[in-house]
Amino acid sequence: MMITELVDQDDFRIQLYAWGLEEAKQLSLVECTNRLGEALAGPDQALWQARLASLLVRKELLHPEVQTVLNDCTK
């Protein structure tokens, strides 16, 4: 039996931080969602959409709360 680790909220915040979303590791998921909204409305919109799309490709590995954030941000 193969056990796969989900991309949880902590993993998601670490990835956002690695992509340059300052303080993401210390923010709540709601605060990260707000910051993502700002990033998606800014000049790097296409870059952030591509980054989020790269996570959505692994949909089956996303924690449900992370998937909800990504779905809300990519509408």
PDB file of N, CA and C in Angstrom:
ATOM      1  N   MET A   1       0.848  -1.181   0.000  1.00  0.00           N
ATOM      2  CA  MET A   1       0.000   0.000   0.000  1.00  0.00           C
ATOM      3  C   MET A   1       0.888   1.237   0.000  1.00  0.00           C
ATOM      4  N   MET A   2       0.586   2.159  -0.883  1.00  0.00           N
ATOM      5  CA  MET A   2       1.362   3.381  -0.982  1.00  0.00           C
ATOM      6  C   MET A   2       0.635   4.513  -0.265  1.00  0.00           C
ATOM      7  N   ILE A   3       1.342   5.185   0.613  1.00  0.00           N
ATOM      8  CA  ILE A   3       0.754   6.319   1.318  1.00  0.00           C
ATOM      9  C   ILE A   3       1.354   7.588   0.732  1.00  0.00           C
ATOM     10  N   THR A   4       0.502   8.497   0.328  1.00  0.00           N
ATOM     11  CA  THR A   4       0.936   9.755  -0.256  1.00  0.00           C
ATOM     12  C   THR A   4       0.665  10.875   0.733  1.00  0.00           C
ATOM     13  N   GLU A   5       1.633  11.732   0.877  1.00  0.00           N
ATOM     14  CA  GLU A   5       1.495  12.851   1.788  1.00  0.00           C
ATOM     15  C   GLU A   5       0.764  13.994   1.097  1.00  0.00           C
ATOM     16  N   LEU A   6      -0.231  14.539   1.766  1.00  0.00           N
ATOM     17  CA  LEU A   6      -0.963  15.674   1.219  1.00  0.00           C
ATOM     18  C   LEU A   6      -0.165  16.951   1.336  1.00  0.00           C
ATOM     19  N   VAL A   7      -0.398  17.866   0.407  1.00  0.00           N
ATOM     20  CA  VAL A   7       0.146  19.212   0.516  1.00  0.00           C
ATOM     21  C   VAL A   7      -0.779  19.942   1.475  1.00  0.00           C
ATOM     22  N   ASP A   8      -0.309  20.117   2.717  1.00  0.00           N
ATOM     23  CA  ASP A   8      -1.162  20.734   3.723  1.00  0.00           C
ATOM     24  C   ASP A   8      -0.936  22.242   3.782  1.00  0.00           C
ATOM     25  N   GLN A   9      -1.564  22.881   4.746  1.00  0.00           N
ATOM     26  CA  GLN A   9      -1.493  24.335   4.869  1.00  0.00           C
ATOM     27  C   GLN A   9      -0.064  24.819   5.086  1.00  0.00           C
ATOM     28  N   ASP A  10       0.705  24.095   5.904  1.00  0.00           N
ATOM     29  CA  ASP A  10       2.096  24.496   6.152  1.00  0.00           C
ATOM     30  C   ASP A  10       2.932  24.390   4.879  1.00  0.00           C
ATOM     31  N   ASP A  11       2.758  23.301   4.141  1.00  0.00           N
ATOM     32  CA  ASP A  11       3.476  23.133   2.871  1.00  0.00           C
ATOM     33  C   ASP A  11       3.114  24.263   1.902  1.00  0.00           C
ATOM     34  N   PHE A  12       1.843  24.604   1.875  1.00  0.00           N
ATOM     35  CA  PHE A  12       1.351  25.652   0.989  1.00  0.00           C
ATOM     36  C   PHE A  12       1.971  26.999   1.359  1.00  0.00           C
ATOM     37  N   ARG A  13       1.993  27.322   2.636  1.00  0.00           N
ATOM     38  CA  ARG A  13       2.590  28.589   3.076  1.00  0.00           C
ATOM     39  C   ARG A  13       4.087  28.630   2.776  1.00  0.00           C
ATOM     40  N   ILE A  14       4.768  27.505   2.954  1.00  0.00           N
ATOM     41  CA  ILE A  14       6.199  27.443   2.648  1.00  0.00           C
ATOM     42  C   ILE A  14       6.434  27.664   1.161  1.00  0.00           C
ATOM     43  N   GLN A  15       5.578  27.079   0.315  1.00  0.00           N
ATOM     44  CA  GLN A  15       5.713  27.278  -1.131  1.00  0.00           C
ATOM     45  C   GLN A  15       5.471  28.736  -1.506  1.00  0.00           C
ATOM     46  N   LEU A  16       4.457  29.353  -0.912  1.00  0.00           N
ATOM     47  CA  LEU A  16       4.194  30.765  -1.192  1.00  0.00           C
ATOM     48  C   LEU A  16       5.373  31.630  -0.782  1.00  0.00           C
ATOM     49  N   TYR A  17       5.967  31.317   0.347  1.00  0.00           N
ATOM     50  CA  TYR A  17       7.140  32.051   0.821  1.00  0.00           C
ATOM     51  C   TYR A  17       8.296  31.881  -0.168  1.00  0.00           C
ATOM     52  N   ALA A  18       8.496  30.656  -0.642  1.00  0.00           N
ATOM     53  CA  ALA A  18       9.566  30.386  -1.604  1.00  0.00           C
ATOM     54  C   ALA A  18       9.353  31.161  -2.904  1.00  0.00           C
ATOM     55  N   TRP A  19       8.108  31.390  -3.241  1.00  0.00           N
ATOM     56  CA  TRP A  19       7.787  32.161  -4.447  1.00  0.00           C
ATOM     57  C   TRP A  19       7.840  33.657  -4.213  1.00  0.00           C
ATOM     58  N   GLY A  20       8.120  34.084  -2.983  1.00  0.00           N
ATOM     59  CA  GLY A  20       8.302  35.509  -2.723  1.00  0.00           C
ATOM     60  C   GLY A  20       7.167  36.197  -2.001  1.00  0.00           C
ATOM     61  N   LEU A  21       6.208  35.459  -1.528  1.00  0.00           N
ATOM     62  CA  LEU A  21       5.108  36.065  -0.765  1.00  0.00           C
ATOM     63  C   LEU A  21       5.606  36.240   0.671  1.00  0.00           C
ATOM     64  N   GLU A  22       6.104  37.436   0.940  1.00  0.00           N
ATOM     65  CA  GLU A  22       6.751  37.715   2.218  1.00  0.00           C
ATOM     66  C   GLU A  22       5.855  37.378   3.398  1.00  0.00           C
ATOM     67  N   GLU A  23       6.473  36.852   4.430  1.00  0.00           N
ATOM     68  CA  GLU A  23       5.823  36.502   5.687  1.00  0.00           C
ATOM     69  C   GLU A  23       4.774  35.398   5.555  1.00  0.00           C
ATOM     70  N   ALA A  24       4.696  34.724   4.432  1.00  0.00           N
ATOM     71  CA  ALA A  24       3.664  33.709   4.225  1.00  0.00           C
ATOM     72  C   ALA A  24       3.727  32.606   5.274  1.00  0.00           C
ATOM     73  N   LYS A  25       4.938  32.292   5.742  1.00  0.00           N
ATOM     74  CA  LYS A  25       5.066  31.218   6.730  1.00  0.00           C
ATOM     75  C   LYS A  25       4.378  31.568   8.048  1.00  0.00           C
ATOM     76  N   GLN A  26       4.235  32.863   8.343  1.00  0.00           N
ATOM     77  CA  GLN A  26       3.614  33.274   9.592  1.00  0.00           C
ATOM     78  C   GLN A  26       2.144  33.649   9.439  1.00  0.00           C
ATOM     79  N   LEU A  27       1.645  33.702   8.226  1.00  0.00           N
ATOM     80  CA  LEU A  27       0.271  34.132   7.986  1.00  0.00           C
ATOM     81  C   LEU A  27      -0.702  32.959   8.121  1.00  0.00           C
ATOM     82  N   SER A  28      -1.936  33.283   8.457  1.00  0.00           N
ATOM     83  CA  SER A  28      -2.984  32.264   8.448  1.00  0.00           C
ATOM     84  C   SER A  28      -3.350  31.969   6.994  1.00  0.00           C
ATOM     85  N   LEU A  29      -4.099  30.921   6.787  1.00  0.00           N
ATOM     86  CA  LEU A  29      -4.530  30.574   5.435  1.00  0.00           C
ATOM     87  C   LEU A  29      -5.398  31.678   4.841  1.00  0.00           C
ATOM     88  N   VAL A  30      -6.232  32.293   5.652  1.00  0.00           N
ATOM     89  CA  VAL A  30      -7.075  33.402   5.193  1.00  0.00           C
ATOM     90  C   VAL A  30      -6.213  34.592   4.788  1.00  0.00           C
ATOM     91  N   GLU A  31      -5.206  34.895   5.589  1.00  0.00           N
ATOM     92  CA  GLU A  31      -4.312  36.006   5.256  1.00  0.00           C
ATOM     93  C   GLU A  31      -3.534  35.716   3.981  1.00  0.00           C
ATOM     94  N   CYS A  32      -3.123  34.464   3.801  1.00  0.00           N
ATOM     95  CA  CYS A  32      -2.447  34.079   2.559  1.00  0.00           C
ATOM     96  C   CYS A  32      -3.370  34.255   1.364  1.00  0.00           C
ATOM     97  N   THR A  33      -4.628  33.903   1.548  1.00  0.00           N
ATOM     98  CA  THR A  33      -5.606  34.063   0.477  1.00  0.00           C
ATOM     99  C   THR A  33      -5.732  35.534   0.089  1.00  0.00           C
ATOM    100  N   ASN A  34      -5.777  36.404   1.086  1.00  0.00           N
ATOM    101  CA  ASN A  34      -5.857  37.843   0.814  1.00  0.00           C
ATOM    102  C   ASN A  34      -4.619  38.339   0.077  1.00  0.00           C
ATOM    103  N   ARG A  35      -3.445  37.888   0.501  1.00  0.00           N
ATOM    104  CA  ARG A  35      -2.199  38.296  -0.153  1.00  0.00           C
ATOM    105  C   ARG A  35      -2.125  37.752  -1.579  1.00  0.00           C
ATOM    106  N   LEU A  36      -2.631  36.533  -1.786  1.00  0.00           N
ATOM    107  CA  LEU A  36      -2.670  35.983  -3.141  1.00  0.00           C
ATOM    108  C   LEU A  36      -3.581  36.802  -4.032  1.00  0.00           C
ATOM    109  N   GLY A  37      -4.715  37.235  -3.475  1.00  0.00           N
ATOM    110  CA  GLY A  37      -5.628  38.097  -4.231  1.00  0.00           C
ATOM    111  C   GLY A  37      -4.948  39.370  -4.680  1.00  0.00           C
ATOM    112  N   GLU A  38      -4.145  39.947  -3.793  1.00  0.00           N
ATOM    113  CA  GLU A  38      -3.394  41.156  -4.138  1.00  0.00           C
ATOM    114  C   GLU A  38      -2.366  40.867  -5.230  1.00  0.00           C
ATOM    115  N   ALA A  39      -1.668  39.741  -5.093  1.00  0.00           N
ATOM    116  CA  ALA A  39      -0.656  39.372  -6.088  1.00  0.00           C
ATOM    117  C   ALA A  39      -1.298  39.121  -7.453  1.00  0.00           C
ATOM    118  N   LEU A  40      -2.475  38.495  -7.443  1.00  0.00           N
ATOM    119  CA  LEU A  40      -3.173  38.211  -8.699  1.00  0.00           C
ATOM    120  C   LEU A  40      -3.757  39.459  -9.343  1.00  0.00           C
ATOM    121  N   ALA A  41      -3.892  40.518  -8.566  1.00  0.00           N
ATOM    122  CA  ALA A  41      -4.399  41.782  -9.114  1.00  0.00           C
ATOM    123  C   ALA A  41      -3.256  42.707  -9.530  1.00  0.00           C
ATOM    124  N   GLY A  42      -2.029  42.309  -9.238  1.00  0.00           N
ATOM    125  CA  GLY A  42      -0.872  43.157  -9.510  1.00  0.00           C
ATOM    126  C   GLY A  42      -0.240  42.899 -10.861  1.00  0.00           C
ATOM    127  N   PRO A  43       0.918  43.508 -11.073  1.00  0.00           N
ATOM    128  CA  PRO A  43       1.597  43.406 -12.363  1.00  0.00           C
ATOM    129  C   PRO A  43       2.133  42.010 -12.678  1.00  0.00           C
ATOM    130  N   ASP A  44       2.297  41.161 -11.662  1.00  0.00           N
ATOM    131  CA  ASP A  44       2.792  39.798 -11.878  1.00  0.00           C
ATOM    132  C   ASP A  44       1.664  38.774 -11.908  1.00  0.00           C
ATOM    133  N   GLN A  45       0.503  39.212 -12.337  1.00  0.00           N
ATOM    134  CA  GLN A  45      -0.684  38.358 -12.348  1.00  0.00           C
ATOM    135  C   GLN A  45      -0.451  37.047 -13.102  1.00  0.00           C
ATOM    136  N   ALA A  46       0.107  37.112 -14.297  1.00  0.00           N
ATOM    137  CA  ALA A  46       0.310  35.905 -15.107  1.00  0.00           C
ATOM    138  C   ALA A  46       1.266  34.929 -14.419  1.00  0.00           C
ATOM    139  N   LEU A  47       2.290  35.448 -13.791  1.00  0.00           N
ATOM    140  CA  LEU A  47       3.251  34.611 -13.085  1.00  0.00           C
ATOM    141  C   LEU A  47       2.574  33.877 -11.925  1.00  0.00           C
ATOM    142  N   TRP A  48       1.766  34.602 -11.144  1.00  0.00           N
ATOM    143  CA  TRP A  48       1.077  33.984 -10.016  1.00  0.00           C
ATOM    144  C   TRP A  48       0.026  32.986 -10.478  1.00  0.00           C
ATOM    145  N   GLN A  49      -0.650  33.266 -11.574  1.00  0.00           N
ATOM    146  CA  GLN A  49      -1.619  32.313 -12.099  1.00  0.00           C
ATOM    147  C   GLN A  49      -0.921  31.018 -12.508  1.00  0.00           C
ATOM    148  N   ALA A  50       0.239  31.135 -13.132  1.00  0.00           N
ATOM    149  CA  ALA A  50       0.993  29.949 -13.544  1.00  0.00           C
ATOM    150  C   ALA A  50       1.468  29.159 -12.328  1.00  0.00           C
ATOM    151  N   ARG A  51       1.913  29.861 -11.307  1.00  0.00           N
ATOM    152  CA  ARG A  51       2.369  29.189 -10.088  1.00  0.00           C
ATOM    153  C   ARG A  51       1.226  28.421  -9.430  1.00  0.00           C
ATOM    154  N   LEU A  52       0.086  29.066  -9.304  1.00  0.00           N
ATOM    155  CA  LEU A  52      -1.062  28.411  -8.671  1.00  0.00           C
ATOM    156  C   LEU A  52      -1.563  27.244  -9.520  1.00  0.00           C
ATOM    157  N   ALA A  53      -1.526  27.422 -10.841  1.00  0.00           N
ATOM    158  CA  ALA A  53      -1.939  26.340 -11.741  1.00  0.00           C
ATOM    159  C   ALA A  53      -1.026  25.133 -11.573  1.00  0.00           C
ATOM    160  N   SER A  54       0.262  25.362 -11.300  1.00  0.00           N
ATOM    161  CA  SER A  54       1.187  24.241 -11.109  1.00  0.00           C
ATOM    162  C   SER A  54       0.822  23.431  -9.866  1.00  0.00           C
ATOM    163  N   LEU A  55       0.239  24.084  -8.873  1.00  0.00           N
ATOM    164  CA  LEU A  55      -0.230  23.356  -7.690  1.00  0.00           C
ATOM    165  C   LEU A  55      -1.543  22.633  -7.970  1.00  0.00           C
ATOM    166  N   LEU A  56      -2.412  23.256  -8.745  1.00  0.00           N
ATOM    167  CA  LEU A  56      -3.703  22.638  -9.054  1.00  0.00           C
ATOM    168  C   LEU A  56      -3.556  21.359  -9.867  1.00  0.00           C
ATOM    169  N   VAL A  57      -2.470  21.235 -10.596  1.00  0.00           N
ATOM    170  CA  VAL A  57      -2.222  20.022 -11.368  1.00  0.00           C
ATOM    171  C   VAL A  57      -2.138  18.824 -10.432  1.00  0.00           C
ATOM    172  N   ARG A  58      -1.665  19.065  -9.228  1.00  0.00           N
ATOM    173  CA  ARG A  58      -1.543  17.994  -8.234  1.00  0.00           C
ATOM    174  C   ARG A  58      -2.778  17.954  -7.332  1.00  0.00           C
ATOM    175  N   LYS A  59      -3.915  18.226  -7.901  1.00  0.00           N
ATOM    176  CA  LYS A  59      -5.177  18.352  -7.183  1.00  0.00           C
ATOM    177  C   LYS A  59      -5.428  17.228  -6.171  1.00  0.00           C
ATOM    178  N   GLU A  60      -5.140  16.003  -6.570  1.00  0.00           N
ATOM    179  CA  GLU A  60      -5.417  14.867  -5.692  1.00  0.00           C
ATOM    180  C   GLU A  60      -4.501  14.840  -4.468  1.00  0.00           C
ATOM    181  N   LEU A  61      -3.428  15.622  -4.481  1.00  0.00           N
ATOM    182  CA  LEU A  61      -2.504  15.654  -3.354  1.00  0.00           C
ATOM    183  C   LEU A  61      -2.716  16.866  -2.446  1.00  0.00           C
ATOM    184  N   LEU A  62      -3.673  17.699  -2.776  1.00  0.00           N
ATOM    185  CA  LEU A  62      -3.887  18.923  -1.997  1.00  0.00           C
ATOM    186  C   LEU A  62      -4.843  18.680  -0.842  1.00  0.00           C
ATOM    187  N   HIS A  63      -4.491  19.218   0.291  1.00  0.00           N
ATOM    188  CA  HIS A  63      -5.402  19.209   1.432  1.00  0.00           C
ATOM    189  C   HIS A  63      -6.649  19.988   0.999  1.00  0.00           C
ATOM    190  N   PRO A  64      -7.835  19.569   1.422  1.00  0.00           N
ATOM    191  CA  PRO A  64      -9.074  20.241   0.988  1.00  0.00           C
ATOM    192  C   PRO A  64      -9.089  21.755   1.221  1.00  0.00           C
ATOM    193  N   GLU A  65      -8.523  22.221   2.330  1.00  0.00           N
ATOM    194  CA  GLU A  65      -8.505  23.667   2.582  1.00  0.00           C
ATOM    195  C   GLU A  65      -7.596  24.396   1.611  1.00  0.00           C
ATOM    196  N   VAL A  66      -6.471  23.775   1.255  1.00  0.00           N
ATOM    197  CA  VAL A  66      -5.554  24.372   0.271  1.00  0.00           C
ATOM    198  C   VAL A  66      -6.215  24.382  -1.095  1.00  0.00           C
ATOM    199  N   GLN A  67      -6.890  23.302  -1.436  1.00  0.00           N
ATOM    200  CA  GLN A  67      -7.575  23.245  -2.725  1.00  0.00           C
ATOM    201  C   GLN A  67      -8.649  24.319  -2.814  1.00  0.00           C
ATOM    202  N   THR A  68      -9.362  24.573  -1.731  1.00  0.00           N
ATOM    203  CA  THR A  68     -10.385  25.618  -1.710  1.00  0.00           C
ATOM    204  C   THR A  68      -9.762  26.983  -1.972  1.00  0.00           C
ATOM    205  N   VAL A  69      -8.639  27.267  -1.319  1.00  0.00           N
ATOM    206  CA  VAL A  69      -7.948  28.553  -1.536  1.00  0.00           C
ATOM    207  C   VAL A  69      -7.556  28.694  -2.994  1.00  0.00           C
ATOM    208  N   LEU A  70      -6.950  27.644  -3.553  1.00  0.00           N
ATOM    209  CA  LEU A  70      -6.511  27.707  -4.954  1.00  0.00           C
ATOM    210  C   LEU A  70      -7.705  27.870  -5.900  1.00  0.00           C
ATOM    211  N   ASN A  71      -8.767  27.152  -5.649  1.00  0.00           N
ATOM    212  CA  ASN A  71      -9.950  27.286  -6.493  1.00  0.00           C
ATOM    213  C   ASN A  71     -10.520  28.698  -6.424  1.00  0.00           C
ATOM    214  N   ASP A  72     -10.583  29.269  -5.219  1.00  0.00           N
ATOM    215  CA  ASP A  72     -11.101  30.628  -5.066  1.00  0.00           C
ATOM    216  C   ASP A  72     -10.215  31.658  -5.763  1.00  0.00           C
ATOM    217  N   CYS A  73      -8.916  31.456  -5.705  1.00  0.00           N
ATOM    218  CA  CYS A  73      -7.982  32.426  -6.282  1.00  0.00           C
ATOM    219  C   CYS A  73      -7.878  32.324  -7.801  1.00  0.00           C
ATOM    220  N   THR A  74      -8.209  31.185  -8.346  1.00  0.00           N
ATOM    221  CA  THR A  74      -8.045  31.007  -9.795  1.00  0.00           C
ATOM    222  C   THR A  74      -9.359  31.129 -10.570  1.00  0.00           C
ATOM    223  N   LYS A  75     -10.412  31.575  -9.913  1.00  0.00           N
ATOM    224  CA  LYS A  75     -11.692  31.755 -10.616  1.00  0.00           C
ATOM    225  C   LYS A  75     -11.644  32.949 -11.511  1.00  0.00           C
TER     226      LYS A  75
END
